[in-house]
């Protein structure tokens, strides 16, 4: 999969494209349906299946405090898009210049240089300054530049559409199982294992402390059953997401205990924590003995949930 940040990076001999446009945060089931349409149309028409997306949520530019945190990071997103059969990704920097483009200017700046022949968007798609451009505008402008535009309907689950906002709310509630049903896979956090206080090792439950720069939205504080993936091996694990009161600048941390193993050296390795089910919510303990007792119960519950 080729990744570029500007249409000018496109090789001169690159094929014409079919382009899907969107933020695609989470690459959830709704996005996956759109990508399936994109790939099928691309193969039929002999075009390159292309995704146009942004390097950040547009609200980051206008309302930084209110902008949602991403469900997945750039490395995770690239891997998922490649897995969907995408040939080319243009990840544009969302800045004032891009935000100020009229619908016609957006097409001229991005879709024309990409040599788009088909453009695919989700239901309710808006583009151009202030979100003034509609699917009808895209079809009209496309006719002037030699491409057609197709709108793909949203995918509903229950009484509302699948969306990144909905998935984020589920993760905020700790409902990783329901989030997985909308993502089409279990949610994951990926990062480097760092040295911590090593408290877990002293009480018989060593943990891998995941870097604060990890990719993948952290669910609500609590304990989760899941898997830790490292060096091509999947280990059953109990993941703990919570607050470290002693480190003010790192308010929420992810630690993972591999069930039944105390011999693993994971320091400085990139690992992935996969969330399968919630064990319990977050709690404080009055003593170390109470904490150790609860951790033992959590690990037992996690093992049962995973069928270990």
Protein backbone atom coordinates (compact mmCIF):
# COMPACT_ATOMS: atom_id res chain seq x y z
CA UNK A 1 0.00 0.00 0.00
CA UNK A 2 1.35 3.39 -1.03
CA UNK A 3 1.00 6.24 1.49
CA UNK A 4 1.37 9.90 0.51
CA UNK A 5 0.61 13.26 2.14
CA UNK A 6 0.04 15.36 -0.99
CA UNK A 7 -1.26 14.71 -4.52
CA UNK A 8 2.10 15.97 -5.77
CA UNK A 9 3.66 12.82 -4.28
CA UNK A 10 1.68 10.61 -6.66
CA UNK A 11 3.98 8.94 -9.22
CA UNK A 12 3.41 10.19 -12.75
CA UNK A 13 2.70 6.69 -14.04
CA UNK A 14 0.27 5.79 -11.25
CA UNK A 15 -3.12 4.42 -12.42
CA UNK A 16 -6.31 6.46 -12.31
CA UNK A 17 -8.14 6.14 -9.01
CA UNK A 18 -11.42 5.42 -7.30
CA UNK A 19 -11.39 7.52 -4.11
CA UNK A 20 -13.19 7.13 -0.79
CA UNK A 21 -13.21 10.30 1.32
CA UNK A 22 -13.58 10.46 5.10
CA UNK A 23 -11.96 10.56 8.54
CA UNK A 24 -12.47 6.80 8.97
CA UNK A 25 -11.58 6.86 12.66
CA UNK A 26 -11.85 3.31 13.94
CA UNK A 27 -12.29 1.67 10.53
CA UNK A 28 -15.55 0.24 11.90
CA UNK A 29 -18.18 -1.90 10.14
CA UNK A 30 -19.70 1.13 8.42
CA UNK A 31 -16.33 2.12 7.01
CA UNK A 32 -15.63 -1.46 6.04
CA UNK A 33 -18.79 -1.62 3.93
CA UNK A 34 -17.73 1.53 2.12
CA UNK A 35 -14.25 0.09 1.51
CA UNK A 36 -15.75 -3.15 0.19
CA UNK A 37 -17.71 -1.10 -2.34
CA UNK A 38 -14.56 0.87 -3.19
CA UNK A 39 -12.43 -2.22 -3.79
CA UNK A 40 -15.11 -3.98 -5.85
CA UNK A 41 -15.65 -0.95 -8.07
CA UNK A 42 -11.91 -0.39 -8.42
CA UNK A 43 -11.30 -3.96 -9.53
CA UNK A 44 -14.14 -3.84 -12.05
CA UNK A 45 -12.97 -0.52 -13.52
CA UNK A 46 -9.21 -1.18 -13.38
CA UNK A 47 -8.64 1.68 -10.95
CA UNK A 48 -6.49 2.06 -7.83
CA UNK A 49 -8.55 1.76 -4.62
CA UNK A 50 -7.66 5.02 -2.89
CA UNK A 51 -8.54 6.53 0.48
CA UNK A 52 -8.40 10.27 1.09
CA UNK A 53 -8.28 11.02 4.80
CA UNK A 54 -6.90 13.57 7.27
CA UNK A 55 -4.02 13.58 9.73
CA UNK A 56 -6.32 14.79 12.54
CA UNK A 57 -9.97 15.32 13.34
CA UNK A 58 -11.15 18.60 11.71
CA UNK A 59 -12.43 19.84 15.07
CA UNK A 60 -8.83 19.86 16.32
CA UNK A 61 -8.31 22.98 14.23
CA UNK A 62 -11.39 24.90 15.38
CA UNK A 63 -12.13 23.48 18.83
CA UNK A 64 -9.01 21.71 20.20
CA UNK A 65 -10.50 21.17 23.66
CA UNK A 66 -13.67 19.66 22.26
CA UNK A 67 -12.09 17.50 19.56
CA UNK A 68 -12.59 13.78 20.19
CA UNK A 69 -9.57 11.62 20.84
CA UNK A 70 -8.93 9.16 18.02
CA UNK A 71 -10.05 5.55 18.40
CA UNK A 72 -6.95 4.34 16.59
CA UNK A 73 -3.52 5.77 15.82
CA UNK A 74 -1.88 6.28 12.41
CA UNK A 75 0.04 2.99 12.43
CA UNK A 76 -3.08 1.05 13.42
CA UNK A 77 -5.12 2.85 10.78
CA UNK A 78 -2.62 2.14 8.02
CA UNK A 79 -2.55 -1.57 8.90
CA UNK A 80 -6.35 -1.79 8.92
CA UNK A 81 -6.68 0.03 5.59
CA UNK A 82 -4.12 -2.26 3.99
CA UNK A 83 -6.08 -5.21 5.35
CA UNK A 84 -9.19 -3.86 3.62
CA UNK A 85 -7.42 -4.06 0.26
CA UNK A 86 -6.67 -0.36 -0.16
CA UNK A 87 -3.92 0.43 -2.69
CA UNK A 88 -3.23 4.10 -1.93
CA UNK A 89 -3.80 6.38 1.06
CA UNK A 90 -3.52 10.16 0.86
CA UNK A 91 -3.38 11.51 4.41
CA UNK A 92 -3.73 15.27 4.05
CA UNK A 93 -2.77 17.73 6.75
CA UNK A 94 -5.98 19.36 7.94
CA UNK A 95 -5.00 23.03 8.29
CA UNK A 96 -6.53 26.45 7.69
CA UNK A 97 -5.73 26.30 3.99
CA UNK A 98 -7.54 23.02 3.47
CA UNK A 99 -10.43 24.07 5.70
CA UNK A 100 -10.94 27.25 3.65
CA UNK A 101 -11.26 25.47 0.29
CA UNK A 102 -14.58 25.78 -1.48
CA UNK A 103 -16.13 22.55 -2.76
CA UNK A 104 -14.78 23.39 -6.21
CA UNK A 105 -11.37 24.21 -4.72
CA UNK A 106 -11.23 20.92 -2.83
CA UNK A 107 -11.94 18.96 -6.00
CA UNK A 108 -9.36 20.93 -7.98
CA UNK A 109 -6.70 20.63 -5.26
CA UNK A 110 -7.09 16.94 -4.45
CA UNK A 111 -9.40 14.86 -6.62
CA UNK A 112 -8.27 16.15 -9.99
CA UNK A 113 -4.52 15.60 -9.24
CA UNK A 114 -5.38 12.11 -7.96
CA UNK A 115 -6.90 11.43 -11.39
CA UNK A 116 -10.12 10.33 -9.74
CA UNK A 117 -12.65 8.60 -11.98
CA UNK A 118 -15.03 7.49 -9.22
CA UNK A 119 -15.52 9.08 -5.80
CA UNK A 120 -17.29 7.24 -2.98
CA UNK A 121 -18.57 8.89 0.21
CA UNK A 122 -20.73 7.94 3.18
CA UNK A 123 -24.31 9.01 3.71
CA UNK A 124 -24.57 12.66 4.77
CA UNK A 125 -21.09 13.53 3.51
CA UNK A 126 -20.18 17.21 3.54
CA UNK A 127 -17.08 18.93 2.17
CA UNK A 128 -15.66 22.35 1.48
CA UNK A 129 -15.45 25.38 3.75
CA UNK A 130 -18.11 25.23 6.43
CA UNK A 131 -19.30 21.85 5.17
CA UNK A 132 -21.34 23.52 2.44
CA UNK A 133 -20.72 20.88 -0.23
CA UNK A 134 -23.18 17.98 -0.57
CA UNK A 135 -23.24 14.76 -2.58
CA UNK A 136 -25.21 16.65 -5.25
CA UNK A 137 -22.44 19.26 -5.45
CA UNK A 138 -19.84 16.52 -5.70
CA UNK A 139 -21.75 14.88 -8.54
CA UNK A 140 -22.16 18.18 -10.36
CA UNK A 141 -18.51 19.19 -10.01
CA UNK A 142 -17.41 15.65 -10.81
CA UNK A 143 -19.26 15.73 -14.11
CA UNK A 144 -17.14 18.75 -15.06
CA UNK A 145 -13.92 16.92 -14.20
CA UNK A 146 -14.61 13.44 -15.51
CA UNK A 147 -15.57 11.50 -12.39
CA UNK A 148 -18.79 10.12 -10.95
CA UNK A 149 -19.74 10.28 -7.27
CA UNK A 150 -21.51 7.57 -5.27
CA UNK A 151 -23.05 7.80 -1.80
CA UNK A 152 -22.98 4.64 0.35
CA UNK A 153 -25.67 4.30 3.02
CA UNK A 154 -24.79 4.15 6.71
CA UNK A 155 -24.72 0.79 8.45
CA UNK A 156 -27.21 0.68 11.32
CA UNK A 157 -27.05 -1.40 14.47
CA UNK A 158 -30.20 -1.27 16.54
CA UNK A 159 -31.94 2.08 16.18
CA UNK A 160 -28.91 4.16 15.19
CA UNK A 161 -26.01 4.13 12.80
CA UNK A 162 -22.60 2.72 13.59
CA UNK A 163 -20.28 5.63 14.22
CA UNK A 164 -16.95 6.43 15.84
CA UNK A 165 -18.80 8.61 18.35
CA UNK A 166 -21.01 5.70 19.37
CA UNK A 167 -18.02 3.36 19.73
CA UNK A 168 -16.12 5.93 21.78
CA UNK A 169 -19.10 6.21 24.16
CA UNK A 170 -19.16 2.43 24.59
CA UNK A 171 -15.46 2.37 25.41
CA UNK A 172 -15.97 5.23 27.87
CA UNK A 173 -18.53 2.99 29.57
CA UNK A 174 -16.13 0.03 29.56
CA UNK A 175 -18.37 -1.99 27.22
CA UNK A 176 -15.57 -3.40 25.08
CA UNK A 177 -17.71 -6.33 23.93
CA UNK A 178 -20.39 -4.11 22.38
CA UNK A 179 -17.71 -1.84 20.92
CA UNK A 180 -16.22 -4.91 19.24
CA UNK A 181 -19.59 -5.72 17.67
CA UNK A 182 -19.56 -2.31 15.94
CA UNK A 183 -15.86 -2.39 15.04
CA UNK A 184 -16.05 -5.88 13.60
CA UNK A 185 -13.07 -6.87 15.75
CA UNK A 186 -11.88 -6.51 19.33
CA UNK A 187 -10.53 -3.09 20.19
CA UNK A 188 -6.77 -2.88 20.76
CA UNK A 189 -4.09 -0.63 22.22
CA UNK A 190 -0.54 -0.92 20.86
CA UNK A 191 2.60 0.54 22.42
CA UNK A 192 6.05 0.01 23.84
CA UNK A 193 6.51 -1.74 27.19
CA UNK A 194 8.26 0.60 29.61
CA UNK A 195 9.85 0.08 33.00
CA UNK A 196 7.42 0.89 35.80
CA UNK A 197 7.56 0.75 39.58
CA UNK A 198 7.64 -3.07 39.40
CA UNK A 199 5.08 -3.31 42.20
CA UNK A 200 3.25 -6.09 40.39
CA UNK A 201 6.32 -8.28 40.34
CA UNK A 202 6.81 -7.93 44.09
CA UNK A 203 3.23 -9.09 44.80
CA UNK A 204 3.24 -12.01 42.37
CA UNK A 205 1.46 -10.37 39.43
CA UNK A 206 4.07 -8.85 37.10
CA UNK A 207 2.66 -6.42 34.55
CA UNK A 208 3.76 -4.93 31.27
CA UNK A 209 3.45 -1.15 31.54
CA UNK A 210 2.38 0.27 28.19
CA UNK A 211 3.84 3.60 27.05
CA UNK A 212 1.73 6.74 27.38
CA UNK A 213 2.30 7.27 23.62
CA UNK A 214 0.48 4.03 22.76
CA UNK A 215 -2.06 4.00 19.94
CA UNK A 216 -5.64 2.92 20.57
CA UNK A 217 -8.24 4.65 22.73
CA UNK A 218 -8.17 3.54 26.37
CA UNK A 219 -11.51 2.21 27.65
CA UNK A 220 -12.94 3.24 31.02
CA UNK A 221 -10.84 2.66 34.12
CA UNK A 222 -11.16 -0.95 35.17
CA UNK A 223 -9.93 -4.48 34.54
CA UNK A 224 -10.45 -6.34 31.26
CA UNK A 225 -9.94 -9.86 30.03
CA UNK A 226 -8.07 -10.08 26.77
CA UNK A 227 -4.84 -10.95 25.09
CA UNK A 228 -1.36 -9.52 24.95
CA UNK A 229 0.30 -10.03 21.58
CA UNK A 230 4.09 -9.93 21.48
CA UNK A 231 6.64 -11.36 19.04
CA UNK A 232 3.91 -13.18 17.13
CA UNK A 233 2.57 -14.93 20.25
CA UNK A 234 -0.84 -14.30 21.85
CA UNK A 235 -0.98 -14.60 25.63
CA UNK A 236 -4.19 -14.62 27.72
CA UNK A 237 -4.05 -11.53 29.91
CA UNK A 238 -5.77 -9.28 32.41
CA UNK A 239 -5.47 -5.62 31.42
CA UNK A 240 -5.74 -2.85 33.99
CA UNK A 241 -6.63 0.71 32.96
CA UNK A 242 -6.54 3.23 35.77
CA UNK A 243 -5.17 6.24 37.53
CA UNK A 244 -1.69 6.45 38.96
CA UNK A 245 -2.08 9.01 41.71
CA UNK A 246 1.66 9.34 42.19
CA UNK A 247 2.36 10.54 38.64
CA UNK A 248 0.30 13.63 37.97
CA UNK A 249 1.30 14.09 34.33
CA UNK A 250 0.29 10.52 33.43
CA UNK A 251 -3.25 10.27 34.82
CA UNK A 252 -4.30 7.06 33.07
CA UNK A 253 -2.14 4.03 32.49
CA UNK A 254 -2.51 0.63 30.85
CA UNK A 255 -0.84 -2.36 32.48
CA UNK A 256 -1.19 -5.95 31.36
CA UNK A 257 -0.60 -9.14 33.33
CA UNK A 258 0.00 -12.28 31.28
CA UNK A 259 -1.97 -15.00 33.03
CA UNK A 260 0.14 -17.85 34.39
CA UNK A 261 3.49 -16.39 33.29
CA UNK A 262 6.13 -14.59 35.32
CA UNK A 263 9.12 -15.35 33.07
CA UNK A 264 8.49 -12.98 30.16
CA UNK A 265 10.85 -10.10 29.40
CA UNK A 266 8.78 -7.66 27.36
CA UNK A 267 10.68 -4.45 28.11
CA UNK A 268 11.14 -2.19 25.06
CA UNK A 269 9.03 -4.48 22.88
CA UNK A 270 6.02 -3.23 20.95
CA UNK A 271 3.00 -5.17 22.19
CA UNK A 272 -0.72 -5.09 21.49
CA UNK A 273 -3.35 -5.37 24.21
CA UNK A 274 -6.63 -6.76 22.89
CA UNK A 275 -9.78 -6.19 24.96
CA UNK A 276 -12.33 -9.02 25.03
CA UNK A 277 -14.57 -8.46 28.06
CA UNK A 278 -14.85 -6.25 31.13
CA UNK A 279 -14.01 -7.89 34.45
CA UNK A 280 -14.88 -5.00 36.76
CA UNK A 281 -14.77 -1.24 37.13
CA UNK A 282 -12.01 0.69 38.83
CA UNK A 283 -11.67 0.69 42.63
CA UNK A 284 -9.26 1.88 45.31
CA UNK A 285 -8.07 -0.36 48.09
CA UNK A 286 -7.28 0.43 51.71
CA UNK A 287 -4.34 -1.94 51.94
CA UNK A 288 -1.85 -3.84 49.82
CA UNK A 289 -3.31 -7.13 51.08
CA UNK A 290 -6.77 -6.14 49.85
CA UNK A 291 -5.30 -5.17 46.48
CA UNK A 292 -3.47 -8.48 46.12
CA UNK A 293 -6.59 -10.43 47.01
CA UNK A 294 -8.66 -8.55 44.42
CA UNK A 295 -6.02 -8.95 41.71
CA UNK A 296 -6.10 -12.69 42.30
CA UNK A 297 -9.87 -12.69 41.83
CA UNK A 298 -9.61 -10.51 38.71
CA UNK A 299 -7.07 -12.82 37.10
CA UNK A 300 -9.27 -15.84 37.85
CA UNK A 301 -12.32 -14.16 36.31
CA UNK A 302 -10.32 -13.06 33.26
CA UNK A 303 -9.04 -16.61 32.74
CA UNK A 304 -12.60 -17.95 32.92
CA UNK A 305 -13.90 -15.37 30.44
CA UNK A 306 -11.13 -16.35 28.03
CA UNK A 307 -11.81 -20.05 28.46
CA UNK A 308 -8.44 -20.70 30.09
